[in-house]
Amino acid sequence: ALIKPAVFEQKHFDLYQLYQQSRH
C-alpha cells in the first residue's frame, strides 16, 4: 500500500474507467 494525496493522476483514472466499464 502506498498512501498518496487526493490529486488527479491519469493512471488512477484509467483504472477507474476500466473498473466501471467492467463492473458497472
mmCIF file of all heavy atoms, coordinates in Angstrom:
data_MODEL
# 
_entry.id   MODEL 
# 
loop_
_atom_site.group_PDB 
_atom_site.id 
_atom_site.type_symbol 
_atom_site.label_atom_id 
_atom_site.label_alt_id 
_atom_site.label_comp_id 
_atom_site.label_asym_id 
_atom_site.label_entity_id 
_atom_site.label_seq_id 
_atom_site.pdbx_PDB_ins_code 
_atom_site.Cartn_x 
_atom_site.Cartn_y 
_atom_site.Cartn_z 
_atom_site.occupancy 
_atom_site.B_iso_or_equiv 
_atom_site.pdbx_formal_charge 
_atom_site.auth_seq_id 
_atom_site.auth_comp_id 
_atom_site.auth_asym_id 
_atom_site.auth_atom_id 
_atom_site.pdbx_PDB_model_num 
ATOM 1   N N   . ALA A 1 1  ? 0.842   -1.196 0.000   1.00 0.00 ? 1  ALA A N   1 
ATOM 2   C CA  . ALA A 1 1  ? 0.000   0.000  0.000   1.00 0.00 ? 1  ALA A CA  1 
ATOM 3   C C   . ALA A 1 1  ? 0.878   1.246  0.000   1.00 0.00 ? 1  ALA A C   1 
ATOM 4   O O   . ALA A 1 1  ? 1.857   1.329  0.752   1.00 0.00 ? 1  ALA A O   1 
ATOM 5   C CB  . ALA A 1 1  ? -0.925  0.003  1.207   1.00 0.00 ? 1  ALA A CB  1 
ATOM 6   N N   . LEU A 1 2  ? 0.522   2.188  -0.838  1.00 0.00 ? 2  LEU A N   1 
ATOM 7   C CA  . LEU A 1 2  ? 1.228   3.469  -0.928  1.00 0.00 ? 2  LEU A CA  1 
ATOM 8   C C   . LEU A 1 2  ? 0.205   4.589  -0.788  1.00 0.00 ? 2  LEU A C   1 
ATOM 9   O O   . LEU A 1 2  ? -0.675  4.737  -1.634  1.00 0.00 ? 2  LEU A O   1 
ATOM 10  C CB  . LEU A 1 2  ? 1.969   3.579  -2.265  1.00 0.00 ? 2  LEU A CB  1 
ATOM 11  C CG  . LEU A 1 2  ? 2.716   4.895  -2.521  1.00 0.00 ? 2  LEU A CG  1 
ATOM 12  C CD1 . LEU A 1 2  ? 3.824   5.100  -1.495  1.00 0.00 ? 2  LEU A CD1 1 
ATOM 13  C CD2 . LEU A 1 2  ? 3.286   4.918  -3.936  1.00 0.00 ? 2  LEU A CD2 1 
ATOM 14  N N   . ILE A 1 3  ? 0.316   5.362  0.285   1.00 0.00 ? 3  ILE A N   1 
ATOM 15  C CA  . ILE A 1 3  ? -0.631  6.452  0.548   1.00 0.00 ? 3  ILE A CA  1 
ATOM 16  C C   . ILE A 1 3  ? -0.211  7.684  -0.229  1.00 0.00 ? 3  ILE A C   1 
ATOM 17  O O   . ILE A 1 3  ? 0.934   8.133  -0.144  1.00 0.00 ? 3  ILE A O   1 
ATOM 18  C CB  . ILE A 1 3  ? -0.695  6.759  2.055   1.00 0.00 ? 3  ILE A CB  1 
ATOM 19  C CG1 . ILE A 1 3  ? -1.171  5.527  2.827   1.00 0.00 ? 3  ILE A CG1 1 
ATOM 20  C CG2 . ILE A 1 3  ? -1.613  7.945  2.321   1.00 0.00 ? 3  ILE A CG2 1 
ATOM 21  C CD1 . ILE A 1 3  ? -1.118  5.689  4.335   1.00 0.00 ? 3  ILE A CD1 1 
ATOM 22  N N   . LYS A 1 4  ? -1.179  8.257  -0.958  1.00 0.00 ? 4  LYS A N   1 
ATOM 23  C CA  . LYS A 1 4  ? -0.907  9.427  -1.778  1.00 0.00 ? 4  LYS A CA  1 
ATOM 24  C C   . LYS A 1 4  ? -1.970  10.492 -1.526  1.00 0.00 ? 4  LYS A C   1 
ATOM 25  O O   . LYS A 1 4  ? -3.058  10.178 -1.029  1.00 0.00 ? 4  LYS A O   1 
ATOM 26  C CB  . LYS A 1 4  ? -0.864  9.041  -3.267  1.00 0.00 ? 4  LYS A CB  1 
ATOM 27  C CG  . LYS A 1 4  ? 0.106   7.903  -3.565  1.00 0.00 ? 4  LYS A CG  1 
ATOM 28  C CD  . LYS A 1 4  ? 0.302   7.683  -5.033  1.00 0.00 ? 4  LYS A CD  1 
ATOM 29  C CE  . LYS A 1 4  ? 1.256   8.673  -5.649  1.00 0.00 ? 4  LYS A CE  1 
ATOM 30  N NZ  . LYS A 1 4  ? 1.592   8.338  -7.055  1.00 0.00 ? 4  LYS A NZ  1 
ATOM 31  N N   . PRO A 1 5  ? -1.685  11.741 -1.862  1.00 0.00 ? 5  PRO A N   1 
ATOM 32  C CA  . PRO A 1 5  ? -2.689  12.801 -1.671  1.00 0.00 ? 5  PRO A CA  1 
ATOM 33  C C   . PRO A 1 5  ? -3.826  12.664 -2.683  1.00 0.00 ? 5  PRO A C   1 
ATOM 34  O O   . PRO A 1 5  ? -3.694  11.989 -3.708  1.00 0.00 ? 5  PRO A O   1 
ATOM 35  C CB  . PRO A 1 5  ? -1.886  14.087 -1.895  1.00 0.00 ? 5  PRO A CB  1 
ATOM 36  C CG  . PRO A 1 5  ? -0.746  13.670 -2.775  1.00 0.00 ? 5  PRO A CG  1 
ATOM 37  C CD  . PRO A 1 5  ? -0.400  12.270 -2.365  1.00 0.00 ? 5  PRO A CD  1 
ATOM 38  N N   . ALA A 1 6  ? -4.917  13.327 -2.379  1.00 0.00 ? 6  ALA A N   1 
ATOM 39  C CA  . ALA A 1 6  ? -6.109  13.240 -3.231  1.00 0.00 ? 6  ALA A CA  1 
ATOM 40  C C   . ALA A 1 6  ? -6.006  14.222 -4.394  1.00 0.00 ? 6  ALA A C   1 
ATOM 41  O O   . ALA A 1 6  ? -6.693  15.252 -4.444  1.00 0.00 ? 6  ALA A O   1 
ATOM 42  C CB  . ALA A 1 6  ? -7.359  13.520 -2.400  1.00 0.00 ? 6  ALA A CB  1 
ATOM 43  N N   . VAL A 1 7  ? -5.148  13.896 -5.333  1.00 0.00 ? 7  VAL A N   1 
ATOM 44  C CA  . VAL A 1 7  ? -4.984  14.695 -6.545  1.00 0.00 ? 7  VAL A CA  1 
ATOM 45  C C   . VAL A 1 7  ? -5.171  13.782 -7.754  1.00 0.00 ? 7  VAL A C   1 
ATOM 46  O O   . VAL A 1 7  ? -4.994  12.564 -7.663  1.00 0.00 ? 7  VAL A O   1 
ATOM 47  C CB  . VAL A 1 7  ? -3.603  15.384 -6.594  1.00 0.00 ? 7  VAL A CB  1 
ATOM 48  C CG1 . VAL A 1 7  ? -3.456  16.358 -5.438  1.00 0.00 ? 7  VAL A CG1 1 
ATOM 49  C CG2 . VAL A 1 7  ? -2.485  14.361 -6.583  1.00 0.00 ? 7  VAL A CG2 1 
ATOM 50  N N   . PHE A 1 8  ? -5.530  14.382 -8.853  1.00 0.00 ? 8  PHE A N   1 
ATOM 51  C CA  . PHE A 1 8  ? -5.782  13.599 -10.063 1.00 0.00 ? 8  PHE A CA  1 
ATOM 52  C C   . PHE A 1 8  ? -4.488  12.987 -10.596 1.00 0.00 ? 8  PHE A C   1 
ATOM 53  O O   . PHE A 1 8  ? -3.472  13.669 -10.725 1.00 0.00 ? 8  PHE A O   1 
ATOM 54  C CB  . PHE A 1 8  ? -6.412  14.486 -11.145 1.00 0.00 ? 8  PHE A CB  1 
ATOM 55  C CG  . PHE A 1 8  ? -6.675  13.742 -12.428 1.00 0.00 ? 8  PHE A CG  1 
ATOM 56  C CD1 . PHE A 1 8  ? -7.828  12.985 -12.573 1.00 0.00 ? 8  PHE A CD1 1 
ATOM 57  C CD2 . PHE A 1 8  ? -5.766  13.788 -13.481 1.00 0.00 ? 8  PHE A CD2 1 
ATOM 58  C CE1 . PHE A 1 8  ? -8.077  12.290 -13.754 1.00 0.00 ? 8  PHE A CE1 1 
ATOM 59  C CE2 . PHE A 1 8  ? -6.008  13.096 -14.662 1.00 0.00 ? 8  PHE A CE2 1 
ATOM 60  C CZ  . PHE A 1 8  ? -7.174  12.345 -14.794 1.00 0.00 ? 8  PHE A CZ  1 
ATOM 61  N N   . GLU A 1 9  ? -4.558  11.690 -10.892 1.00 0.00 ? 9  GLU A N   1 
ATOM 62  C CA  . GLU A 1 9  ? -3.476  11.002 -11.596 1.00 0.00 ? 9  GLU A CA  1 
ATOM 63  C C   . GLU A 1 9  ? -4.108  10.194 -12.718 1.00 0.00 ? 9  GLU A C   1 
ATOM 64  O O   . GLU A 1 9  ? -5.066  9.457  -12.495 1.00 0.00 ? 9  GLU A O   1 
ATOM 65  C CB  . GLU A 1 9  ? -2.688  10.089 -10.655 1.00 0.00 ? 9  GLU A CB  1 
ATOM 66  C CG  . GLU A 1 9  ? -1.863  10.827 -9.618  1.00 0.00 ? 9  GLU A CG  1 
ATOM 67  C CD  . GLU A 1 9  ? -0.823  9.941  -8.953  1.00 0.00 ? 9  GLU A CD  1 
ATOM 68  O OE1 . GLU A 1 9  ? -0.256  9.070  -9.655  1.00 0.00 ? 9  GLU A OE1 1 
ATOM 69  O OE2 . GLU A 1 9  ? -0.590  10.114 -7.749  1.00 0.00 ? 9  GLU A OE2 1 
ATOM 70  N N   . GLN A 1 10 ? -3.535  10.303 -13.900 1.00 0.00 ? 10 GLN A N   1 
ATOM 71  C CA  . GLN A 1 10 ? -4.109  9.654  -15.065 1.00 0.00 ? 10 GLN A CA  1 
ATOM 72  C C   . GLN A 1 10 ? -4.211  8.139  -14.886 1.00 0.00 ? 10 GLN A C   1 
ATOM 73  O O   . GLN A 1 10 ? -5.194  7.518  -15.281 1.00 0.00 ? 10 GLN A O   1 
ATOM 74  C CB  . GLN A 1 10 ? -3.288  9.976  -16.317 1.00 0.00 ? 10 GLN A CB  1 
ATOM 75  C CG  . GLN A 1 10 ? -3.917  9.485  -17.617 1.00 0.00 ? 10 GLN A CG  1 
ATOM 76  C CD  . GLN A 1 10 ? -5.244  10.169 -17.925 1.00 0.00 ? 10 GLN A CD  1 
ATOM 77  O OE1 . GLN A 1 10 ? -5.358  11.392 -17.838 1.00 0.00 ? 10 GLN A OE1 1 
ATOM 78  N NE2 . GLN A 1 10 ? -6.251  9.380  -18.293 1.00 0.00 ? 10 GLN A NE2 1 
ATOM 79  N N   . LYS A 1 11 ? -3.193  7.531  -14.262 1.00 0.00 ? 11 LYS A N   1 
ATOM 80  C CA  . LYS A 1 11 ? -3.224  6.070  -14.099 1.00 0.00 ? 11 LYS A CA  1 
ATOM 81  C C   . LYS A 1 11 ? -4.353  5.633  -13.170 1.00 0.00 ? 11 LYS A C   1 
ATOM 82  O O   . LYS A 1 11 ? -4.939  4.554  -13.350 1.00 0.00 ? 11 LYS A O   1 
ATOM 83  C CB  . LYS A 1 11 ? -1.882  5.552  -13.600 1.00 0.00 ? 11 LYS A CB  1 
ATOM 84  C CG  . LYS A 1 11 ? -1.463  6.057  -12.235 1.00 0.00 ? 11 LYS A CG  1 
ATOM 85  C CD  . LYS A 1 11 ? -0.105  5.478  -11.838 1.00 0.00 ? 11 LYS A CD  1 
ATOM 86  C CE  . LYS A 1 11 ? 0.347   5.999  -10.479 1.00 0.00 ? 11 LYS A CE  1 
ATOM 87  N NZ  . LYS A 1 11 ? 1.674   5.452  -10.102 1.00 0.00 ? 11 LYS A NZ  1 
ATOM 88  N N   . HIS A 1 12 ? -4.671  6.459  -12.180 1.00 0.00 ? 12 HIS A N   1 
ATOM 89  C CA  . HIS A 1 12 ? -5.812  6.159  -11.312 1.00 0.00 ? 12 HIS A CA  1 
ATOM 90  C C   . HIS A 1 12 ? -7.103  6.233  -12.114 1.00 0.00 ? 12 HIS A C   1 
ATOM 91  O O   . HIS A 1 12 ? -7.973  5.352  -12.004 1.00 0.00 ? 12 HIS A O   1 
ATOM 92  C CB  . HIS A 1 12 ? -5.890  7.148  -10.149 1.00 0.00 ? 12 HIS A CB  1 
ATOM 93  C CG  . HIS A 1 12 ? -4.740  7.083  -9.207  1.00 0.00 ? 12 HIS A CG  1 
ATOM 94  N ND1 . HIS A 1 12 ? -4.546  8.005  -8.192  1.00 0.00 ? 12 HIS A ND1 1 
ATOM 95  C CD2 . HIS A 1 12 ? -3.703  6.205  -9.113  1.00 0.00 ? 12 HIS A CD2 1 
ATOM 96  C CE1 . HIS A 1 12 ? -3.454  7.693  -7.521  1.00 0.00 ? 12 HIS A CE1 1 
ATOM 97  N NE2 . HIS A 1 12 ? -2.917  6.617  -8.063  1.00 0.00 ? 12 HIS A NE2 1 
ATOM 98  N N   . PHE A 1 13 ? -7.234  7.289  -12.888 1.00 0.00 ? 13 PHE A N   1 
ATOM 99  C CA  . PHE A 1 13 ? -8.454  7.496  -13.670 1.00 0.00 ? 13 PHE A CA  1 
ATOM 100 C C   . PHE A 1 13 ? -8.630  6.395  -14.712 1.00 0.00 ? 13 PHE A C   1 
ATOM 101 O O   . PHE A 1 13 ? -9.747  5.904  -14.926 1.00 0.00 ? 13 PHE A O   1 
ATOM 102 C CB  . PHE A 1 13 ? -8.415  8.862  -14.345 1.00 0.00 ? 13 PHE A CB  1 
ATOM 103 C CG  . PHE A 1 13 ? -9.656  9.180  -15.142 1.00 0.00 ? 13 PHE A CG  1 
ATOM 104 C CD1 . PHE A 1 13 ? -10.898 9.228  -14.531 1.00 0.00 ? 13 PHE A CD1 1 
ATOM 105 C CD2 . PHE A 1 13 ? -9.560  9.422  -16.508 1.00 0.00 ? 13 PHE A CD2 1 
ATOM 106 C CE1 . PHE A 1 13 ? -12.040 9.520  -15.272 1.00 0.00 ? 13 PHE A CE1 1 
ATOM 107 C CE2 . PHE A 1 13 ? -10.694 9.710  -17.244 1.00 0.00 ? 13 PHE A CE2 1 
ATOM 108 C CZ  . PHE A 1 13 ? -11.942 9.766  -16.634 1.00 0.00 ? 13 PHE A CZ  1 
ATOM 109 N N   . ASP A 1 14 ? -7.556  5.974  -15.334 1.00 0.00 ? 14 ASP A N   1 
ATOM 110 C CA  . ASP A 1 14 ? -7.637  4.885  -16.318 1.00 0.00 ? 14 ASP A CA  1 
ATOM 111 C C   . ASP A 1 14 ? -8.136  3.599  -15.645 1.00 0.00 ? 14 ASP A C   1 
ATOM 112 O O   . ASP A 1 14 ? -8.961  2.871  -16.215 1.00 0.00 ? 14 ASP A O   1 
ATOM 113 C CB  . ASP A 1 14 ? -6.267  4.645  -16.951 1.00 0.00 ? 14 ASP A CB  1 
ATOM 114 C CG  . ASP A 1 14 ? -5.832  5.787  -17.863 1.00 0.00 ? 14 ASP A CG  1 
ATOM 115 O OD1 . ASP A 1 14 ? -6.689  6.612  -18.252 1.00 0.00 ? 14 ASP A OD1 1 
ATOM 116 O OD2 . ASP A 1 14 ? -4.623  5.850  -18.173 1.00 0.00 ? 14 ASP A OD2 1 
ATOM 117 N N   . LEU A 1 15 ? -7.636  3.325  -14.456 1.00 0.00 ? 15 LEU A N   1 
ATOM 118 C CA  . LEU A 1 15 ? -8.077  2.137  -13.723 1.00 0.00 ? 15 LEU A CA  1 
ATOM 119 C C   . LEU A 1 15 ? -9.538  2.271  -13.297 1.00 0.00 ? 15 LEU A C   1 
ATOM 120 O O   . LEU A 1 15 ? -10.306 1.302  -13.357 1.00 0.00 ? 15 LEU A O   1 
ATOM 121 C CB  . LEU A 1 15 ? -7.191  1.918  -12.502 1.00 0.00 ? 15 LEU A CB  1 
ATOM 122 C CG  . LEU A 1 15 ? -7.465  0.658  -11.681 1.00 0.00 ? 15 LEU A CG  1 
ATOM 123 C CD1 . LEU A 1 15 ? -7.297  -0.605 -12.533 1.00 0.00 ? 15 LEU A CD1 1 
ATOM 124 C CD2 . LEU A 1 15 ? -6.561  0.598  -10.459 1.00 0.00 ? 15 LEU A CD2 1 
ATOM 125 N N   . TYR A 1 16 ? -9.923  3.465  -12.889 1.00 0.00 ? 16 TYR A N   1 
ATOM 126 C CA  . TYR A 1 16 ? -11.313 3.730  -12.512 1.00 0.00 ? 16 TYR A CA  1 
ATOM 127 C C   . TYR A 1 16 ? -12.253 3.460  -13.687 1.00 0.00 ? 16 TYR A C   1 
ATOM 128 O O   . TYR A 1 16 ? -13.299 2.816  -13.533 1.00 0.00 ? 16 TYR A O   1 
ATOM 129 C CB  . TYR A 1 16 ? -11.421 5.182  -12.060 1.00 0.00 ? 16 TYR A CB  1 
ATOM 130 C CG  . TYR A 1 16 ? -12.813 5.659  -11.717 1.00 0.00 ? 16 TYR A CG  1 
ATOM 131 C CD1 . TYR A 1 16 ? -13.377 5.386  -10.470 1.00 0.00 ? 16 TYR A CD1 1 
ATOM 132 C CD2 . TYR A 1 16 ? -13.555 6.415  -12.622 1.00 0.00 ? 16 TYR A CD2 1 
ATOM 133 C CE1 . TYR A 1 16 ? -14.645 5.849  -10.144 1.00 0.00 ? 16 TYR A CE1 1 
ATOM 134 C CE2 . TYR A 1 16 ? -14.819 6.878  -12.305 1.00 0.00 ? 16 TYR A CE2 1 
ATOM 135 C CZ  . TYR A 1 16 ? -15.370 6.597  -11.063 1.00 0.00 ? 16 TYR A CZ  1 
ATOM 136 O OH  . TYR A 1 16 ? -16.631 7.055  -10.743 1.00 0.00 ? 16 TYR A OH  1 
ATOM 137 N N   . GLN A 1 17 ? -11.883 3.931  -14.867 1.00 0.00 ? 17 GLN A N   1 
ATOM 138 C CA  . GLN A 1 17 ? -12.709 3.697  -16.052 1.00 0.00 ? 17 GLN A CA  1 
ATOM 139 C C   . GLN A 1 17 ? -12.781 2.216  -16.397 1.00 0.00 ? 17 GLN A C   1 
ATOM 140 O O   . GLN A 1 17 ? -13.856 1.702  -16.743 1.00 0.00 ? 17 GLN A O   1 
ATOM 141 C CB  . GLN A 1 17 ? -12.153 4.496  -17.230 1.00 0.00 ? 17 GLN A CB  1 
ATOM 142 C CG  . GLN A 1 17 ? -12.389 5.989  -17.130 1.00 0.00 ? 17 GLN A CG  1 
ATOM 143 C CD  . GLN A 1 17 ? -11.969 6.710  -18.389 1.00 0.00 ? 17 GLN A CD  1 
ATOM 144 O OE1 . GLN A 1 17 ? -10.844 6.541  -18.863 1.00 0.00 ? 17 GLN A OE1 1 
ATOM 145 N NE2 . GLN A 1 17 ? -12.865 7.492  -18.949 1.00 0.00 ? 17 GLN A NE2 1 
ATOM 146 N N   . LEU A 1 18 ? -11.655 1.529  -16.308 1.00 0.00 ? 18 LEU A N   1 
ATOM 147 C CA  . LEU A 1 18 ? -11.631 0.091  -16.571 1.00 0.00 ? 18 LEU A CA  1 
ATOM 148 C C   . LEU A 1 18 ? -12.557 -0.647 -15.612 1.00 0.00 ? 18 LEU A C   1 
ATOM 149 O O   . LEU A 1 18 ? -13.325 -1.534 -16.019 1.00 0.00 ? 18 LEU A O   1 
ATOM 150 C CB  . LEU A 1 18 ? -10.197 -0.438 -16.429 1.00 0.00 ? 18 LEU A CB  1 
ATOM 151 C CG  . LEU A 1 18 ? -10.005 -1.956 -16.581 1.00 0.00 ? 18 LEU A CG  1 
ATOM 152 C CD1 . LEU A 1 18 ? -10.345 -2.408 -17.999 1.00 0.00 ? 18 LEU A CD1 1 
ATOM 153 C CD2 . LEU A 1 18 ? -8.564  -2.342 -16.230 1.00 0.00 ? 18 LEU A CD2 1 
ATOM 154 N N   . TYR A 1 19 ? -12.506 -0.278 -14.344 1.00 0.00 ? 19 TYR A N   1 
ATOM 155 C CA  . TYR A 1 19 ? -13.344 -0.907 -13.320 1.00 0.00 ? 19 TYR A CA  1 
ATOM 156 C C   . TYR A 1 19 ? -14.825 -0.648 -13.593 1.00 0.00 ? 19 TYR A C   1 
ATOM 157 O O   . TYR A 1 19 ? -15.651 -1.569 -13.556 1.00 0.00 ? 19 TYR A O   1 
ATOM 158 C CB  . TYR A 1 19 ? -12.948 -0.367 -11.951 1.00 0.00 ? 19 TYR A CB  1 
ATOM 159 C CG  . TYR A 1 19 ? -13.851 -0.825 -10.830 1.00 0.00 ? 19 TYR A CG  1 
ATOM 160 C CD1 . TYR A 1 19 ? -13.702 -2.084 -10.264 1.00 0.00 ? 19 TYR A CD1 1 
ATOM 161 C CD2 . TYR A 1 19 ? -14.851 0.007  -10.326 1.00 0.00 ? 19 TYR A CD2 1 
ATOM 162 C CE1 . TYR A 1 19 ? -14.525 -2.508 -9.223  1.00 0.00 ? 19 TYR A CE1 1 
ATOM 163 C CE2 . TYR A 1 19 ? -15.676 -0.406 -9.299  1.00 0.00 ? 19 TYR A CE2 1 
ATOM 164 C CZ  . TYR A 1 19 ? -15.516 -1.661 -8.753  1.00 0.00 ? 19 TYR A CZ  1 
ATOM 165 O OH  . TYR A 1 19 ? -16.352 -2.068 -7.738  1.00 0.00 ? 19 TYR A OH  1 
ATOM 166 N N   . GLN A 1 20 ? -15.169 0.604  -13.871 1.00 0.00 ? 20 GLN A N   1 
ATOM 167 C CA  . GLN A 1 20 ? -16.578 0.942  -14.106 1.00 0.00 ? 20 GLN A CA  1 
ATOM 168 C C   . GLN A 1 20 ? -17.130 0.235  -15.343 1.00 0.00 ? 20 GLN A C   1 
ATOM 169 O O   . GLN A 1 20 ? -18.252 -0.281 -15.327 1.00 0.00 ? 20 GLN A O   1 
ATOM 170 C CB  . GLN A 1 20 ? -16.744 2.457  -14.267 1.00 0.00 ? 20 GLN A CB  1 
ATOM 171 C CG  . GLN A 1 20 ? -16.415 3.272  -13.032 1.00 0.00 ? 20 GLN A CG  1 
ATOM 172 C CD  . GLN A 1 20 ? -17.337 2.986  -11.864 1.00 0.00 ? 20 GLN A CD  1 
ATOM 173 O OE1 . GLN A 1 20 ? -18.423 2.441  -12.019 1.00 0.00 ? 20 GLN A OE1 1 
ATOM 174 N NE2 . GLN A 1 20 ? -16.902 3.334  -10.666 1.00 0.00 ? 20 GLN A NE2 1 
ATOM 175 N N   . GLN A 1 21 ? -16.339 0.192  -16.395 1.00 0.00 ? 21 GLN A N   1 
ATOM 176 C CA  . GLN A 1 21 ? -16.806 -0.451 -17.630 1.00 0.00 ? 21 GLN A CA  1 
ATOM 177 C C   . GLN A 1 21 ? -16.912 -1.953 -17.478 1.00 0.00 ? 21 GLN A C   1 
ATOM 178 O O   . GLN A 1 21 ? -17.719 -2.597 -18.151 1.00 0.00 ? 21 GLN A O   1 
ATOM 179 C CB  . GLN A 1 21 ? -15.863 -0.077 -18.774 1.00 0.00 ? 21 GLN A CB  1 
ATOM 180 C CG  . GLN A 1 21 ? -15.955 1.390  -19.169 1.00 0.00 ? 21 GLN A CG  1 
ATOM 181 C CD  . GLN A 1 21 ? -14.771 1.882  -19.969 1.00 0.00 ? 21 GLN A CD  1 
ATOM 182 O OE1 . GLN A 1 21 ? -13.919 1.083  -20.376 1.00 0.00 ? 21 GLN A OE1 1 
ATOM 183 N NE2 . GLN A 1 21 ? -14.699 3.182  -20.206 1.00 0.00 ? 21 GLN A NE2 1 
ATOM 184 N N   . SER A 1 22 ? -16.128 -2.524 -16.571 1.00 0.00 ? 22 SER A N   1 
ATOM 185 C CA  . SER A 1 22 ? -16.187 -3.960 -16.326 1.00 0.00 ? 22 SER A CA  1 
ATOM 186 C C   . SER A 1 22 ? -17.308 -4.332 -15.366 1.00 0.00 ? 22 SER A C   1 
ATOM 187 O O   . SER A 1 22 ? -18.051 -5.290 -15.600 1.00 0.00 ? 22 SER A O   1 
ATOM 188 C CB  . SER A 1 22 ? -14.847 -4.449 -15.769 1.00 0.00 ? 22 SER A CB  1 
ATOM 189 O OG  . SER A 1 22 ? -14.931 -5.792 -15.343 1.00 0.00 ? 22 SER A OG  1 
ATOM 190 N N   . ARG A 1 23 ? -17.445 -3.578 -14.268 1.00 0.00 ? 23 ARG A N   1 
ATOM 191 C CA  . ARG A 1 23 ? -18.377 -3.926 -13.203 1.00 0.00 ? 23 ARG A CA  1 
ATOM 192 C C   . ARG A 1 23 ? -19.730 -3.236 -13.324 1.00 0.00 ? 23 ARG A C   1 
ATOM 193 O O   . ARG A 1 23 ? -20.746 -3.781 -12.902 1.00 0.00 ? 23 ARG A O   1 
ATOM 194 C CB  . ARG A 1 23 ? -17.751 -3.594 -11.842 1.00 0.00 ? 23 ARG A CB  1 
ATOM 195 C CG  . ARG A 1 23 ? -16.561 -4.493 -11.473 1.00 0.00 ? 23 ARG A CG  1 
ATOM 196 C CD  . ARG A 1 23 ? -16.990 -5.964 -11.438 1.00 0.00 ? 23 ARG A CD  1 
ATOM 197 N NE  . ARG A 1 23 ? -15.920 -6.859 -11.037 1.00 0.00 ? 23 ARG A NE  1 
ATOM 198 C CZ  . ARG A 1 23 ? -15.765 -7.336 -9.815  1.00 0.00 ? 23 ARG A CZ  1 
ATOM 199 N NH1 . ARG A 1 23 ? -16.590 -6.992 -8.851  1.00 0.00 ? 23 ARG A NH1 1 
ATOM 200 N NH2 . ARG A 1 23 ? -14.771 -8.171 -9.546  1.00 0.00 ? 23 ARG A NH2 1 
ATOM 201 N N   . HIS A 1 24 ? -19.740 -2.004 -13.824 1.00 0.00 ? 24 HIS A N   1 
ATOM 202 C CA  . HIS A 1 24 ? -20.978 -1.230 -13.875 1.00 0.00 ? 24 HIS A CA  1 
ATOM 203 C C   . HIS A 1 24 ? -21.141 -0.556 -15.248 1.00 0.00 ? 24 HIS A C   1 
ATOM 204 O O   . HIS A 1 24 ? -21.245 0.666  -15.338 1.00 0.00 ? 24 HIS A O   1 
ATOM 205 C CB  . HIS A 1 24 ? -20.982 -0.169 -12.771 1.00 0.00 ? 24 HIS A CB  1 
ATOM 206 C CG  . HIS A 1 24 ? -20.628 -0.709 -11.420 1.00 0.00 ? 24 HIS A CG  1 
ATOM 207 N ND1 . HIS A 1 24 ? -21.444 -1.579 -10.723 1.00 0.00 ? 24 HIS A ND1 1 
ATOM 208 C CD2 . HIS A 1 24 ? -19.532 -0.507 -10.631 1.00 0.00 ? 24 HIS A CD2 1 
ATOM 209 C CE1 . HIS A 1 24 ? -20.880 -1.877 -9.561  1.00 0.00 ? 24 HIS A CE1 1 
ATOM 210 N NE2 . HIS A 1 24 ? -19.721 -1.254 -9.489  1.00 0.00 ? 24 HIS A NE2 1 
# 
